[in-house]
């Protein structure tokens, strides 16, 4: 039997031990007859056989219960909160035999993580159905795990759709930014080209003026006619 963290039930199935009561001969010894002695022996033999049958059933039930709960624990792994715990019945031999048991599992959803919740629901279902013969309670736990998994799948689909929309929006925003950057670069390039064209005539004039100023100048003294008076 497997329990979730919010359930608590008793799974004991006590076997009928009324046949284990022994019959005592209360008749006076003096009145004992061969017939009554034979009857007493027959009764004791019947009780002995019933006790032996009950012991076989208790031992088989004990093995079944322990194997059942061990299967839950093995498949439940880290989800096991407590257990296995057993309920016992005393046999005619004075020993206690397990006739019921339970294992408590954590079946809650994982907060804000539907993918982890889906994994957890799958493990809960596997743990519930692990025994060879799941009990009705085991089947209920498995059904609850199926519902938890279904809700998790819906949450995953919604989450992925939102992520896809966000990614699409981010892609569109990135394209707009790239377009704006390209347009700005083109405008800056055009502005720089226009500035160079407008400055070309001025640069040319400045170059001519500079050339004229730096051209070497030849200075020649003009010939001077000097009248010489010659005196005799």
C-alpha atoms as a PDB file:
ATOM      1  CA  UNK A   1       0.000   0.000   0.000  1.00  0.00           C
ATOM      2  CA  UNK A   2       1.342   3.400  -0.936  1.00  0.00           C
ATOM      3  CA  UNK A   3       0.156   6.643   0.595  1.00  0.00           C
ATOM      4  CA  UNK A   4       0.714  10.197  -0.469  1.00  0.00           C
ATOM      5  CA  UNK A   5       1.845  12.797   2.015  1.00  0.00           C
ATOM      6  CA  UNK A   6      -1.687  13.872   2.867  1.00  0.00           C
ATOM      7  CA  UNK A   7      -3.321  10.495   3.419  1.00  0.00           C
ATOM      8  CA  UNK A   8      -3.347   8.035   6.273  1.00  0.00           C
ATOM      9  CA  UNK A   9      -5.230   4.756   6.160  1.00  0.00           C
ATOM     10  CA  UNK A  10      -5.064   1.386   7.832  1.00  0.00           C
ATOM     11  CA  UNK A  11      -4.415  -1.563   5.586  1.00  0.00           C
ATOM     12  CA  UNK A  12      -4.492  -4.407   8.079  1.00  0.00           C
ATOM     13  CA  UNK A  13      -6.451  -7.495   7.156  1.00  0.00           C
ATOM     14  CA  UNK A  14      -6.541  -9.546  10.344  1.00  0.00           C
ATOM     15  CA  UNK A  15      -7.027 -13.231   9.793  1.00  0.00           C
ATOM     16  CA  UNK A  16      -9.623 -15.097  11.785  1.00  0.00           C
ATOM     17  CA  UNK A  17      -7.939 -16.641  14.790  1.00  0.00           C
ATOM     18  CA  UNK A  18     -11.073 -17.935  16.505  1.00  0.00           C
ATOM     19  CA  UNK A  19     -10.136 -21.477  15.568  1.00  0.00           C
ATOM     20  CA  UNK A  20      -6.977 -21.170  17.629  1.00  0.00           C
ATOM     21  CA  UNK A  21      -8.888 -21.411  20.839  1.00  0.00           C
ATOM     22  CA  UNK A  22      -8.220 -24.728  22.425  1.00  0.00           C
ATOM     23  CA  UNK A  23     -10.985 -26.867  23.806  1.00  0.00           C
ATOM     24  CA  UNK A  24     -10.537 -27.974  27.380  1.00  0.00           C
ATOM     25  CA  UNK A  25     -12.114 -31.112  28.657  1.00  0.00           C
ATOM     26  CA  UNK A  26     -14.201 -30.025  31.652  1.00  0.00           C
ATOM     27  CA  UNK A  27     -15.883 -33.356  32.129  1.00  0.00           C
ATOM     28  CA  UNK A  28     -14.990 -35.194  35.299  1.00  0.00           C
ATOM     29  CA  UNK A  29     -12.361 -37.837  34.818  1.00  0.00           C
ATOM     30  CA  UNK A  30     -14.613 -40.390  36.260  1.00  0.00           C
ATOM     31  CA  UNK A  31     -17.145 -39.904  33.494  1.00  0.00           C
ATOM     32  CA  UNK A  32     -14.567 -40.123  30.708  1.00  0.00           C
ATOM     33  CA  UNK A  33     -15.375 -42.738  28.144  1.00  0.00           C
ATOM     34  CA  UNK A  34     -13.500 -44.052  25.143  1.00  0.00           C
ATOM     35  CA  UNK A  35     -15.979 -42.235  22.905  1.00  0.00           C
ATOM     36  CA  UNK A  36     -15.409 -38.895  24.610  1.00  0.00           C
ATOM     37  CA  UNK A  37     -11.630 -39.396  24.513  1.00  0.00           C
ATOM     38  CA  UNK A  38     -11.813 -40.052  20.801  1.00  0.00           C
ATOM     39  CA  UNK A  39     -13.935 -36.952  20.320  1.00  0.00           C
ATOM     40  CA  UNK A  40     -11.447 -34.832  22.240  1.00  0.00           C
ATOM     41  CA  UNK A  41      -8.583 -36.128  20.174  1.00  0.00           C
ATOM     42  CA  UNK A  42     -10.478 -35.427  16.983  1.00  0.00           C
ATOM     43  CA  UNK A  43     -11.201 -31.900  18.162  1.00  0.00           C
ATOM     44  CA  UNK A  44      -7.562 -31.295  19.074  1.00  0.00           C
ATOM     45  CA  UNK A  45      -6.463 -32.656  15.712  1.00  0.00           C
ATOM     46  CA  UNK A  46      -8.870 -30.352  13.929  1.00  0.00           C
ATOM     47  CA  UNK A  47      -7.636 -27.359  15.905  1.00  0.00           C
ATOM     48  CA  UNK A  48      -4.047 -28.328  15.206  1.00  0.00           C
ATOM     49  CA  UNK A  49      -4.733 -28.497  11.492  1.00  0.00           C
ATOM     50  CA  UNK A  50      -6.535 -25.148  11.562  1.00  0.00           C
ATOM     51  CA  UNK A  51      -3.587 -23.571  13.386  1.00  0.00           C
ATOM     52  CA  UNK A  52      -1.175 -24.977  10.866  1.00  0.00           C
ATOM     53  CA  UNK A  53      -3.306 -23.654   8.016  1.00  0.00           C
ATOM     54  CA  UNK A  54      -3.466 -20.240   9.663  1.00  0.00           C
ATOM     55  CA  UNK A  55       0.294 -20.165  10.160  1.00  0.00           C
ATOM     56  CA  UNK A  56       0.850 -20.935   6.496  1.00  0.00           C
ATOM     57  CA  UNK A  57      -1.519 -18.113   5.539  1.00  0.00           C
ATOM     58  CA  UNK A  58       0.094 -15.674   7.965  1.00  0.00           C
ATOM     59  CA  UNK A  59       3.580 -16.501   6.744  1.00  0.00           C
ATOM     60  CA  UNK A  60       2.541 -16.128   3.116  1.00  0.00           C
ATOM     61  CA  UNK A  61       0.770 -12.863   3.909  1.00  0.00           C
ATOM     62  CA  UNK A  62       3.835 -11.576   5.754  1.00  0.00           C
ATOM     63  CA  UNK A  63       6.070 -12.288   2.752  1.00  0.00           C
ATOM     64  CA  UNK A  64       3.561 -10.717   0.377  1.00  0.00           C
ATOM     65  CA  UNK A  65       3.182  -7.550   2.435  1.00  0.00           C
ATOM     66  CA  UNK A  66       6.919  -7.034   2.902  1.00  0.00           C
ATOM     67  CA  UNK A  67       7.626  -7.603  -0.802  1.00  0.00           C
ATOM     68  CA  UNK A  68       4.806  -5.230  -1.711  1.00  0.00           C
ATOM     69  CA  UNK A  69       6.119  -2.385   0.420  1.00  0.00           C
ATOM     70  CA  UNK A  70       9.719  -3.049  -0.627  1.00  0.00           C
ATOM     71  CA  UNK A  71       8.662  -2.556  -4.257  1.00  0.00           C
ATOM     72  CA  UNK A  72       7.136   0.818  -3.350  1.00  0.00           C
ATOM     73  CA  UNK A  73      10.301   1.911  -1.563  1.00  0.00           C
ATOM     74  CA  UNK A  74      12.591   0.794  -4.372  1.00  0.00           C
ATOM     75  CA  UNK A  75      10.627   2.646  -7.054  1.00  0.00           C
ATOM     76  CA  UNK A  76       9.856   5.665  -4.847  1.00  0.00           C
ATOM     77  CA  UNK A  77      13.481   6.441  -4.094  1.00  0.00           C
ATOM     78  CA  UNK A  78      13.965   9.977  -2.786  1.00  0.00           C
ATOM     79  CA  UNK A  79      10.199  10.578  -2.780  1.00  0.00           C
ATOM     80  CA  UNK A  80       9.706   8.212   0.167  1.00  0.00           C
ATOM     81  CA  UNK A  81       8.766  10.301   3.200  1.00  0.00           C
ATOM     82  CA  UNK A  82       8.363   7.450   5.665  1.00  0.00           C
ATOM     83  CA  UNK A  83       7.930   3.713   5.771  1.00  0.00           C
ATOM     84  CA  UNK A  84       7.496   1.014   5.241  1.00  0.00           C
ATOM     85  CA  UNK A  85       5.342   0.617   8.313  1.00  0.00           C
ATOM     86  CA  UNK A  86       3.402  -2.535   9.085  1.00  0.00           C
ATOM     87  CA  UNK A  87       0.406  -3.736  11.028  1.00  0.00           C
ATOM     88  CA  UNK A  88       0.738  -7.120  12.677  1.00  0.00           C
ATOM     89  CA  UNK A  89      -1.351 -10.032  13.789  1.00  0.00           C
ATOM     90  CA  UNK A  90      -0.287 -12.595  16.320  1.00  0.00           C
ATOM     91  CA  UNK A  91      -0.353 -16.148  15.111  1.00  0.00           C
ATOM     92  CA  UNK A  92      -1.247 -19.276  17.058  1.00  0.00           C
ATOM     93  CA  UNK A  93       2.471 -19.782  17.589  1.00  0.00           C
ATOM     94  CA  UNK A  94       2.699 -16.507  19.514  1.00  0.00           C
ATOM     95  CA  UNK A  95       4.678 -14.681  16.805  1.00  0.00           C
ATOM     96  CA  UNK A  96       3.648 -11.452  15.036  1.00  0.00           C
ATOM     97  CA  UNK A  97       3.132 -11.466  11.280  1.00  0.00           C
ATOM     98  CA  UNK A  98       2.735  -8.464   8.973  1.00  0.00           C
ATOM     99  CA  UNK A  99      -0.747  -8.432   7.490  1.00  0.00           C
ATOM    100  CA  UNK A 100      -0.725  -4.854   6.120  1.00  0.00           C
ATOM    101  CA  UNK A 101       1.702  -2.065   5.383  1.00  0.00           C
ATOM    102  CA  UNK A 102       2.116   1.404   3.962  1.00  0.00           C
ATOM    103  CA  UNK A 103       4.734   3.695   2.439  1.00  0.00           C
ATOM    104  CA  UNK A 104       4.276   7.460   2.447  1.00  0.00           C
ATOM    105  CA  UNK A 105       5.379   9.433  -0.618  1.00  0.00           C
ATOM    106  CA  UNK A 106       5.770  13.113  -1.375  1.00  0.00           C
ATOM    107  CA  UNK A 107       3.300  13.686  -4.221  1.00  0.00           C
ATOM    108  CA  UNK A 108       3.259  17.502  -4.246  1.00  0.00           C
ATOM    109  CA  UNK A 109       4.042  19.542  -7.357  1.00  0.00           C
ATOM    110  CA  UNK A 110       7.435  21.251  -7.725  1.00  0.00           C
ATOM    111  CA  UNK A 111       6.861  24.992  -7.389  1.00  0.00           C
ATOM    112  CA  UNK A 112       7.384  27.008 -10.609  1.00  0.00           C
ATOM    113  CA  UNK A 113       8.918  24.046 -12.441  1.00  0.00           C
ATOM    114  CA  UNK A 114       6.393  22.037 -14.494  1.00  0.00           C
ATOM    115  CA  UNK A 115       9.119  19.896 -16.091  1.00  0.00           C
ATOM    116  CA  UNK A 116      10.348  18.731 -12.681  1.00  0.00           C
ATOM    117  CA  UNK A 117       6.733  18.210 -11.642  1.00  0.00           C
ATOM    118  CA  UNK A 118       6.193  15.976 -14.672  1.00  0.00           C
ATOM    119  CA  UNK A 119       9.259  13.901 -13.789  1.00  0.00           C
ATOM    120  CA  UNK A 120       8.072  13.624 -10.202  1.00  0.00           C
ATOM    121  CA  UNK A 121       4.561  12.566 -11.241  1.00  0.00           C
ATOM    122  CA  UNK A 122       6.008   9.825 -13.443  1.00  0.00           C
ATOM    123  CA  UNK A 123       8.092   8.521 -10.548  1.00  0.00           C
ATOM    124  CA  UNK A 124       5.093   8.576  -8.196  1.00  0.00           C
ATOM    125  CA  UNK A 125       3.046   6.565 -10.699  1.00  0.00           C
ATOM    126  CA  UNK A 126       5.861   4.046 -11.109  1.00  0.00           C
ATOM    127  CA  UNK A 127       6.181   3.695  -7.338  1.00  0.00           C
ATOM    128  CA  UNK A 128       2.430   3.208  -6.925  1.00  0.00           C
ATOM    129  CA  UNK A 129       2.264   0.493  -9.577  1.00  0.00           C
ATOM    130  CA  UNK A 130       5.556  -1.191  -8.678  1.00  0.00           C
ATOM    131  CA  UNK A 131       4.081  -4.175  -6.738  1.00  0.00           C
ATOM    132  CA  UNK A 132       2.841  -7.177  -8.660  1.00  0.00           C
ATOM    133  CA  UNK A 133      -0.669  -6.599  -7.312  1.00  0.00           C
ATOM    134  CA  UNK A 134      -1.308  -2.907  -6.582  1.00  0.00           C
ATOM    135  CA  UNK A 135      -3.918  -2.241  -3.949  1.00  0.00           C
ATOM    136  CA  UNK A 136      -6.960   0.015  -4.556  1.00  0.00           C
ATOM    137  CA  UNK A 137      -5.130   2.788  -2.698  1.00  0.00           C
ATOM    138  CA  UNK A 138      -2.109   2.280  -4.949  1.00  0.00           C
ATOM    139  CA  UNK A 139      -4.336   2.689  -7.994  1.00  0.00           C
ATOM    140  CA  UNK A 140      -5.790   5.907  -6.578  1.00  0.00           C
ATOM    141  CA  UNK A 141      -2.321   7.327  -6.022  1.00  0.00           C
ATOM    142  CA  UNK A 142      -1.363   6.392  -9.587  1.00  0.00           C
ATOM    143  CA  UNK A 143      -4.506   8.114 -10.899  1.00  0.00           C
ATOM    144  CA  UNK A 144      -3.651  11.273  -8.944  1.00  0.00           C
ATOM    145  CA  UNK A 145      -0.143  11.160 -10.383  1.00  0.00           C
ATOM    146  CA  UNK A 146      -1.617  10.978 -13.886  1.00  0.00           C
ATOM    147  CA  UNK A 147      -3.671  14.110 -13.182  1.00  0.00           C
ATOM    148  CA  UNK A 148      -0.602  15.881 -11.824  1.00  0.00           C
ATOM    149  CA  UNK A 149       1.341  14.931 -14.958  1.00  0.00           C
ATOM    150  CA  UNK A 150      -1.468  16.198 -17.211  1.00  0.00           C
ATOM    151  CA  UNK A 151      -1.466  19.587 -15.488  1.00  0.00           C
ATOM    152  CA  UNK A 152       2.313  19.742 -15.726  1.00  0.00           C
ATOM    153  CA  UNK A 153       2.182  19.072 -19.481  1.00  0.00           C
ATOM    154  CA  UNK A 154      -0.285  21.941 -19.917  1.00  0.00           C
ATOM    155  CA  UNK A 155       1.971  24.251 -17.891  1.00  0.00           C
ATOM    156  CA  UNK A 156       4.961  23.203 -19.995  1.00  0.00           C
ATOM    157  CA  UNK A 157       3.072  23.937 -23.234  1.00  0.00           C
ATOM    158  CA  UNK A 158       2.046  27.378 -21.970  1.00  0.00           C
ATOM    159  CA  UNK A 159       5.562  28.134 -20.793  1.00  0.00           C
ATOM    160  CA  UNK A 160       7.096  27.129 -24.121  1.00  0.00           C
ATOM    161  CA  UNK A 161       4.563  29.191 -26.060  1.00  0.00           C
ATOM    162  CA  UNK A 162       5.360  32.236 -23.941  1.00  0.00           C
ATOM    163  CA  UNK A 163       9.083  31.663 -24.410  1.00  0.00           C
ATOM    164  CA  UNK A 164       8.601  31.387 -28.183  1.00  0.00           C
ATOM    165  CA  UNK A 165       6.637  34.635 -28.265  1.00  0.00           C
ATOM    166  CA  UNK A 166       9.264  36.381 -26.163  1.00  0.00           C
ATOM    167  CA  UNK A 167      12.023  35.080 -28.418  1.00  0.00           C
ATOM    168  CA  UNK A 168      10.111  36.292 -31.478  1.00  0.00           C
ATOM    169  CA  UNK A 169       9.660  39.727 -29.952  1.00  0.00           C
ATOM    170  CA  UNK A 170      13.323  39.927 -29.049  1.00  0.00           C
ATOM    171  CA  UNK A 171      14.266  38.889 -32.592  1.00  0.00           C
ATOM    172  CA  UNK A 172      12.048  41.588 -34.082  1.00  0.00           C
ATOM    173  CA  UNK A 173      13.514  44.161 -31.706  1.00  0.00           C
ATOM    174  CA  UNK A 174      17.022  43.076 -32.678  1.00  0.00           C
ATOM    175  CA  UNK A 175      16.218  43.455 -36.367  1.00  0.00           C
ATOM    176  CA  UNK A 176      14.843  46.948 -35.749  1.00  0.00           C
ATOM    177  CA  UNK A 177      17.995  47.899 -33.893  1.00  0.00           C
ATOM    178  CA  UNK A 178      20.180  46.535 -36.694  1.00  0.00           C
ATOM    179  CA  UNK A 179      18.182  48.476 -39.283  1.00  0.00           C
ATOM    180  CA  UNK A 180      18.448  51.665 -37.258  1.00  0.00           C
ATOM    181  CA  UNK A 181      22.192  51.204 -36.804  1.00  0.00           C
ATOM    182  CA  UNK A 182      22.682  50.592 -40.538  1.00  0.00           C
ATOM    183  CA  UNK A 183      20.598  53.638 -41.417  1.00  0.00           C
ATOM    184  CA  UNK A 184      22.510  55.790 -38.962  1.00  0.00           C
ATOM    185  CA  UNK A 185      25.825  54.551 -40.359  1.00  0.00           C
ATOM    186  CA  UNK A 186      24.663  55.324 -43.898  1.00  0.00           C
ATOM    187  CA  UNK A 187      23.602  58.830 -42.906  1.00  0.00           C
ATOM    188  CA  UNK A 188      26.914  59.475 -41.174  1.00  0.00           C
ATOM    189  CA  UNK A 189      28.797  58.241 -44.234  1.00  0.00           C
ATOM    190  CA  UNK A 190      26.810  60.507 -46.551  1.00  0.00           C
ATOM    191  CA  UNK A 191      27.341  63.491 -44.281  1.00  0.00           C
ATOM    192  CA  UNK A 192      31.069  62.889 -44.196  1.00  0.00           C
ATOM    193  CA  UNK A 193      31.222  62.669 -48.028  1.00  0.00           C
ATOM    194  CA  UNK A 194      29.320  65.967 -48.441  1.00  0.00           C
ATOM    195  CA  UNK A 195      31.676  67.760 -46.099  1.00  0.00           C
ATOM    196  CA  UNK A 196      34.680  66.667 -48.092  1.00  0.00           C
ATOM    197  CA  UNK A 197      33.098  67.893 -51.367  1.00  0.00           C
ATOM    198  CA  UNK A 198      32.260  71.312 -49.938  1.00  0.00           C
ATOM    199  CA  UNK A 199      35.704  71.815 -48.543  1.00  0.00           C
ATOM    200  CA  UNK A 200      37.513  70.922 -51.813  1.00  0.00           C
ATOM    201  CA  UNK A 201      37.333  74.436 -53.514  1.00  0.00           C
ATOM    202  CA  UNK A 202      38.513  76.137 -50.381  1.00  0.00           C
ATOM    203  CA  UNK A 203      41.338  73.713 -50.037  1.00  0.00           C
ATOM    204  CA  UNK A 204      42.295  74.308 -53.672  1.00  0.00           C
ATOM    205  CA  UNK A 205      42.276  78.083 -53.211  1.00  0.00           C
ATOM    206  CA  UNK A 206      44.315  77.783 -50.109  1.00  0.00           C
ATOM    207  CA  UNK A 207      46.760  75.587 -51.951  1.00  0.00           C
ATOM    208  CA  UNK A 208      47.148  78.144 -54.787  1.00  0.00           C
ATOM    209  CA  UNK A 209      47.597  81.020 -52.366  1.00  0.00           C
ATOM    210  CA  UNK A 210      50.176  79.090 -50.467  1.00  0.00           C
ATOM    211  CA  UNK A 211      51.967  78.250 -53.687  1.00  0.00           C
ATOM    212  CA  UNK A 212      52.043  81.878 -54.729  1.00  0.00           C
ATOM    213  CA  UNK A 213      53.431  83.014 -51.458  1.00  0.00           C
ATOM    214  CA  UNK A 214      56.163  80.477 -51.418  1.00  0.00           C
ATOM    215  CA  UNK A 215      57.287  81.048 -55.052  1.00  0.00           C
ATOM    216  CA  UNK A 216      60.914  82.466 -55.113  1.00  0.00           C
ATOM    217  CA  UNK A 217      61.181  86.126 -56.331  1.00  0.00           C
ATOM    218  CA  UNK A 218      64.167  87.361 -58.381  1.00  0.00           C
ATOM    219  CA  UNK A 219      65.173  90.933 -57.526  1.00  0.00           C
ATOM    220  CA  UNK A 220      67.293  92.688 -60.166  1.00  0.00           C
ATOM    221  CA  UNK A 221      68.745  96.137 -59.870  1.00  0.00           C
ATOM    222  CA  UNK A 222      67.902  98.090 -63.018  1.00  0.00           C
ATOM    223  CA  UNK A 223      70.878  99.553 -64.874  1.00  0.00           C
ATOM    224  CA  UNK A 224      71.598 103.146 -63.878  1.00  0.00           C
ATOM    225  CA  UNK A 225      73.122 105.554 -66.377  1.00  0.00           C
ATOM    226  CA  UNK A 226      75.600 107.829 -64.671  1.00  0.00           C
ATOM    227  CA  UNK A 227      76.667 110.924 -66.495  1.00  0.00           C
ATOM    228  CA  UNK A 228      80.295 111.545 -65.954  1.00  0.00           C
ATOM    229  CA  UNK A 229      81.652 114.989 -66.425  1.00  0.00           C
ATOM    230  CA  UNK A 230      85.064 114.831 -67.595  1.00  0.00           C
ATOM    231  CA  UNK A 231      87.225 117.826 -66.962  1.00  0.00           C
ATOM    232  CA  UNK A 232      90.077 118.586 -69.060  1.00  0.00           C
END
